[in-house]
Amino acid sequence: MKVYYHSQFLKSYKLLDKKIKRKAEAKEKIFRDNPFHNSLKIHKLGGKLKNQWSFSVDNKRRIIFEFDGKDVIFIDIGTHAIYK
């Protein structure tokens, strides 16, 4: 599985502080090893985001992504405000 980064993800990631970036990198490593690992709290989204999924970076932040065949596209990272 390859992970690709949408321009919105890169823009949002750039604005995060170093501590959150380290957490996100650790969670991405877990995700790459096992996308459905329990610690990620992965779930499918609904409504206008019905083709997307989310997993937890910490209690406040999430990564929204899409499966694209065998690959994954990270769409955005941030608080629940990214769902809007």
N, C-alpha and C. Protein backbone atom coordinates (compact mmCIF):
# COMPACT_ATOMS: atom_id res chain seq x y z
N MET A 1 0.84 -1.18 0.00
CA MET A 1 0.00 0.00 0.00
C MET A 1 0.89 1.24 0.00
N LYS A 2 0.58 2.15 -0.90
CA LYS A 2 1.25 3.45 -0.92
C LYS A 2 0.30 4.48 -0.32
N VAL A 3 0.88 5.46 0.37
CA VAL A 3 0.10 6.57 0.92
C VAL A 3 0.48 7.82 0.14
N TYR A 4 -0.54 8.47 -0.41
CA TYR A 4 -0.36 9.73 -1.11
C TYR A 4 -0.96 10.84 -0.26
N TYR A 5 -0.45 12.06 -0.44
CA TYR A 5 -0.89 13.19 0.37
C TYR A 5 -1.53 14.25 -0.51
N HIS A 6 -2.80 14.52 -0.25
CA HIS A 6 -3.53 15.58 -0.94
C HIS A 6 -2.92 16.92 -0.54
N SER A 7 -3.01 17.91 -1.40
CA SER A 7 -2.44 19.23 -1.10
C SER A 7 -3.05 19.84 0.17
N GLN A 8 -4.34 19.56 0.43
CA GLN A 8 -4.98 20.08 1.65
C GLN A 8 -4.35 19.44 2.89
N PHE A 9 -4.04 18.16 2.83
CA PHE A 9 -3.38 17.49 3.95
C PHE A 9 -2.03 18.14 4.21
N LEU A 10 -1.24 18.35 3.17
CA LEU A 10 0.08 18.94 3.33
C LEU A 10 0.00 20.35 3.93
N LYS A 11 -0.98 21.11 3.48
CA LYS A 11 -1.18 22.48 3.99
C LYS A 11 -1.53 22.44 5.48
N SER A 12 -2.47 21.57 5.86
CA SER A 12 -2.88 21.47 7.26
C SER A 12 -1.76 20.92 8.14
N TYR A 13 -1.05 19.92 7.63
CA TYR A 13 0.05 19.29 8.37
C TYR A 13 1.14 20.32 8.69
N LYS A 14 1.43 21.15 7.72
CA LYS A 14 2.48 22.17 7.87
C LYS A 14 2.18 23.12 9.04
N LEU A 15 0.92 23.34 9.34
CA LEU A 15 0.52 24.27 10.39
C LEU A 15 0.54 23.65 11.80
N LEU A 16 0.70 22.33 11.89
CA LEU A 16 0.69 21.66 13.19
C LEU A 16 2.00 21.90 13.94
N ASP A 17 1.92 21.88 15.27
CA ASP A 17 3.16 22.01 16.03
C ASP A 17 3.91 20.67 16.01
N LYS A 18 5.18 20.71 16.39
CA LYS A 18 6.05 19.54 16.27
C LYS A 18 5.54 18.34 17.07
N LYS A 19 4.97 18.58 18.24
CA LYS A 19 4.48 17.49 19.07
C LYS A 19 3.36 16.71 18.35
N ILE A 20 2.45 17.44 17.74
CA ILE A 20 1.33 16.81 17.03
C ILE A 20 1.85 16.12 15.77
N LYS A 21 2.82 16.72 15.10
CA LYS A 21 3.41 16.08 13.92
C LYS A 21 4.02 14.73 14.28
N ARG A 22 4.71 14.66 15.41
CA ARG A 22 5.32 13.40 15.86
C ARG A 22 4.24 12.35 16.13
N LYS A 23 3.13 12.78 16.78
CA LYS A 23 2.02 11.86 17.03
C LYS A 23 1.44 11.35 15.71
N ALA A 24 1.25 12.27 14.76
CA ALA A 24 0.69 11.89 13.45
C ALA A 24 1.61 10.92 12.73
N GLU A 25 2.90 11.14 12.80
CA GLU A 25 3.86 10.24 12.16
C GLU A 25 3.82 8.85 12.79
N ALA A 26 3.70 8.80 14.12
CA ALA A 26 3.61 7.51 14.82
C ALA A 26 2.33 6.77 14.42
N LYS A 27 1.23 7.49 14.33
CA LYS A 27 -0.04 6.87 13.93
C LYS A 27 0.01 6.43 12.46
N GLU A 28 0.68 7.21 11.62
CA GLU A 28 0.80 6.80 10.22
C GLU A 28 1.59 5.50 10.11
N LYS A 29 2.62 5.34 10.92
CA LYS A 29 3.39 4.10 10.91
C LYS A 29 2.50 2.91 11.27
N ILE A 30 1.69 3.08 12.33
CA ILE A 30 0.75 2.02 12.71
C ILE A 30 -0.21 1.74 11.56
N PHE A 31 -0.73 2.81 10.95
CA PHE A 31 -1.67 2.69 9.83
C PHE A 31 -1.05 1.91 8.67
N ARG A 32 0.20 2.21 8.35
CA ARG A 32 0.87 1.52 7.24
C ARG A 32 1.03 0.03 7.53
N ASP A 33 1.29 -0.30 8.80
CA ASP A 33 1.46 -1.71 9.20
C ASP A 33 0.12 -2.44 9.25
N ASN A 34 -0.92 -1.75 9.74
CA ASN A 34 -2.24 -2.36 9.89
C ASN A 34 -3.29 -1.24 9.89
N PRO A 35 -3.88 -0.94 8.73
CA PRO A 35 -4.84 0.17 8.65
C PRO A 35 -6.03 0.06 9.59
N PHE A 36 -6.33 -1.15 10.06
CA PHE A 36 -7.49 -1.31 10.94
C PHE A 36 -7.08 -1.64 12.38
N HIS A 37 -5.89 -1.20 12.77
CA HIS A 37 -5.43 -1.40 14.16
C HIS A 37 -6.38 -0.69 15.11
N ASN A 38 -6.72 -1.36 16.21
CA ASN A 38 -7.69 -0.80 17.18
C ASN A 38 -7.31 0.58 17.70
N SER A 39 -6.03 0.85 17.89
CA SER A 39 -5.60 2.13 18.46
C SER A 39 -5.92 3.32 17.55
N LEU A 40 -6.20 3.06 16.28
CA LEU A 40 -6.49 4.14 15.34
C LEU A 40 -7.94 4.61 15.40
N LYS A 41 -8.81 3.78 15.96
CA LYS A 41 -10.24 4.11 16.03
C LYS A 41 -10.78 4.50 14.65
N ILE A 42 -10.43 3.72 13.66
CA ILE A 42 -10.82 4.00 12.28
C ILE A 42 -12.33 3.83 12.10
N HIS A 43 -12.91 4.72 11.30
CA HIS A 43 -14.33 4.60 11.00
C HIS A 43 -14.66 5.26 9.67
N LYS A 44 -15.68 4.73 9.03
CA LYS A 44 -16.16 5.28 7.77
C LYS A 44 -17.02 6.50 8.08
N LEU A 45 -16.89 7.51 7.24
CA LEU A 45 -17.66 8.73 7.43
C LEU A 45 -18.97 8.67 6.64
N GLY A 46 -19.85 9.58 6.93
CA GLY A 46 -21.15 9.62 6.26
C GLY A 46 -21.39 10.96 5.61
N GLY A 47 -22.59 11.13 5.10
CA GLY A 47 -22.99 12.39 4.48
C GLY A 47 -22.14 12.73 3.28
N LYS A 48 -21.74 13.99 3.20
CA LYS A 48 -20.94 14.42 2.04
C LYS A 48 -19.55 13.79 2.01
N LEU A 49 -19.15 13.17 3.12
CA LEU A 49 -17.84 12.51 3.20
C LEU A 49 -17.97 10.99 3.13
N LYS A 50 -19.07 10.50 2.56
CA LYS A 50 -19.40 9.07 2.61
C LYS A 50 -18.36 8.17 1.95
N ASN A 51 -17.50 8.69 1.10
CA ASN A 51 -16.46 7.88 0.47
C ASN A 51 -15.14 7.94 1.22
N GLN A 52 -15.16 8.61 2.37
CA GLN A 52 -13.93 8.80 3.12
C GLN A 52 -13.98 8.10 4.47
N TRP A 53 -12.81 7.95 5.05
CA TRP A 53 -12.63 7.31 6.34
C TRP A 53 -11.83 8.26 7.23
N SER A 54 -11.79 7.96 8.52
CA SER A 54 -11.04 8.78 9.46
C SER A 54 -10.38 7.89 10.50
N PHE A 55 -9.22 8.34 10.99
CA PHE A 55 -8.62 7.69 12.15
C PHE A 55 -8.05 8.74 13.08
N SER A 56 -7.90 8.38 14.33
CA SER A 56 -7.49 9.31 15.38
C SER A 56 -5.97 9.45 15.46
N VAL A 57 -5.54 10.69 15.57
CA VAL A 57 -4.14 10.99 15.88
C VAL A 57 -4.00 11.10 17.39
N ASP A 58 -4.94 11.81 18.00
CA ASP A 58 -5.05 11.92 19.46
C ASP A 58 -6.52 12.18 19.79
N ASN A 59 -6.79 12.65 20.99
CA ASN A 59 -8.19 12.87 21.37
C ASN A 59 -8.88 13.98 20.58
N LYS A 60 -8.10 14.92 20.02
CA LYS A 60 -8.68 16.04 19.31
C LYS A 60 -8.54 15.97 17.80
N ARG A 61 -7.50 15.33 17.31
CA ARG A 61 -7.18 15.41 15.89
C ARG A 61 -7.40 14.10 15.15
N ARG A 62 -7.79 14.24 13.88
CA ARG A 62 -8.09 13.11 13.02
C ARG A 62 -7.39 13.28 11.68
N ILE A 63 -7.21 12.16 11.00
CA ILE A 63 -6.77 12.18 9.61
C ILE A 63 -7.92 11.61 8.78
N ILE A 64 -8.34 12.36 7.78
CA ILE A 64 -9.36 11.90 6.84
C ILE A 64 -8.63 11.35 5.62
N PHE A 65 -9.09 10.20 5.14
CA PHE A 65 -8.43 9.58 4.00
C PHE A 65 -9.42 8.81 3.15
N GLU A 66 -8.97 8.42 1.96
CA GLU A 66 -9.77 7.61 1.04
C GLU A 66 -8.93 6.42 0.60
N PHE A 67 -9.58 5.29 0.44
CA PHE A 67 -8.93 4.15 -0.20
C PHE A 67 -9.03 4.36 -1.70
N ASP A 68 -7.94 4.11 -2.40
CA ASP A 68 -7.91 4.22 -3.86
C ASP A 68 -7.28 2.94 -4.39
N GLY A 69 -8.12 1.91 -4.56
CA GLY A 69 -7.60 0.60 -4.91
C GLY A 69 -6.76 0.06 -3.77
N LYS A 70 -5.51 -0.25 -4.05
CA LYS A 70 -4.59 -0.74 -3.01
C LYS A 70 -3.93 0.40 -2.26
N ASP A 71 -4.09 1.61 -2.74
CA ASP A 71 -3.42 2.77 -2.16
C ASP A 71 -4.38 3.60 -1.30
N VAL A 72 -3.81 4.60 -0.63
CA VAL A 72 -4.58 5.47 0.25
C VAL A 72 -4.18 6.91 -0.03
N ILE A 73 -5.15 7.80 0.05
CA ILE A 73 -4.88 9.24 -0.08
C ILE A 73 -5.28 9.91 1.22
N PHE A 74 -4.31 10.52 1.90
CA PHE A 74 -4.61 11.31 3.09
C PHE A 74 -5.14 12.66 2.61
N ILE A 75 -6.38 12.97 2.98
CA ILE A 75 -7.08 14.16 2.49
C ILE A 75 -6.82 15.38 3.37
N ASP A 76 -6.92 15.20 4.68
CA ASP A 76 -6.77 16.34 5.60
C ASP A 76 -6.44 15.82 6.99
N ILE A 77 -5.93 16.72 7.82
CA ILE A 77 -5.63 16.43 9.22
C ILE A 77 -6.03 17.62 10.05
N GLY A 78 -6.64 17.36 11.20
CA GLY A 78 -7.04 18.46 12.08
C GLY A 78 -8.08 18.01 13.08
N THR A 79 -8.74 18.98 13.71
CA THR A 79 -9.79 18.71 14.68
C THR A 79 -11.05 18.31 13.94
N HIS A 80 -12.13 18.11 14.66
CA HIS A 80 -13.40 17.73 14.04
C HIS A 80 -13.88 18.79 13.04
N ALA A 81 -13.33 19.97 13.07
CA ALA A 81 -13.72 21.02 12.11
C ALA A 81 -13.41 20.61 10.67
N ILE A 82 -12.51 19.67 10.47
CA ILE A 82 -12.19 19.25 9.10
C ILE A 82 -13.32 18.46 8.45
N TYR A 83 -14.29 18.03 9.25
CA TYR A 83 -15.42 17.28 8.71
C TYR A 83 -16.41 18.17 7.98
N LYS A 84 -16.30 19.47 8.16
CA LYS A 84 -17.26 20.40 7.56
C LYS A 84 -16.94 20.69 6.12
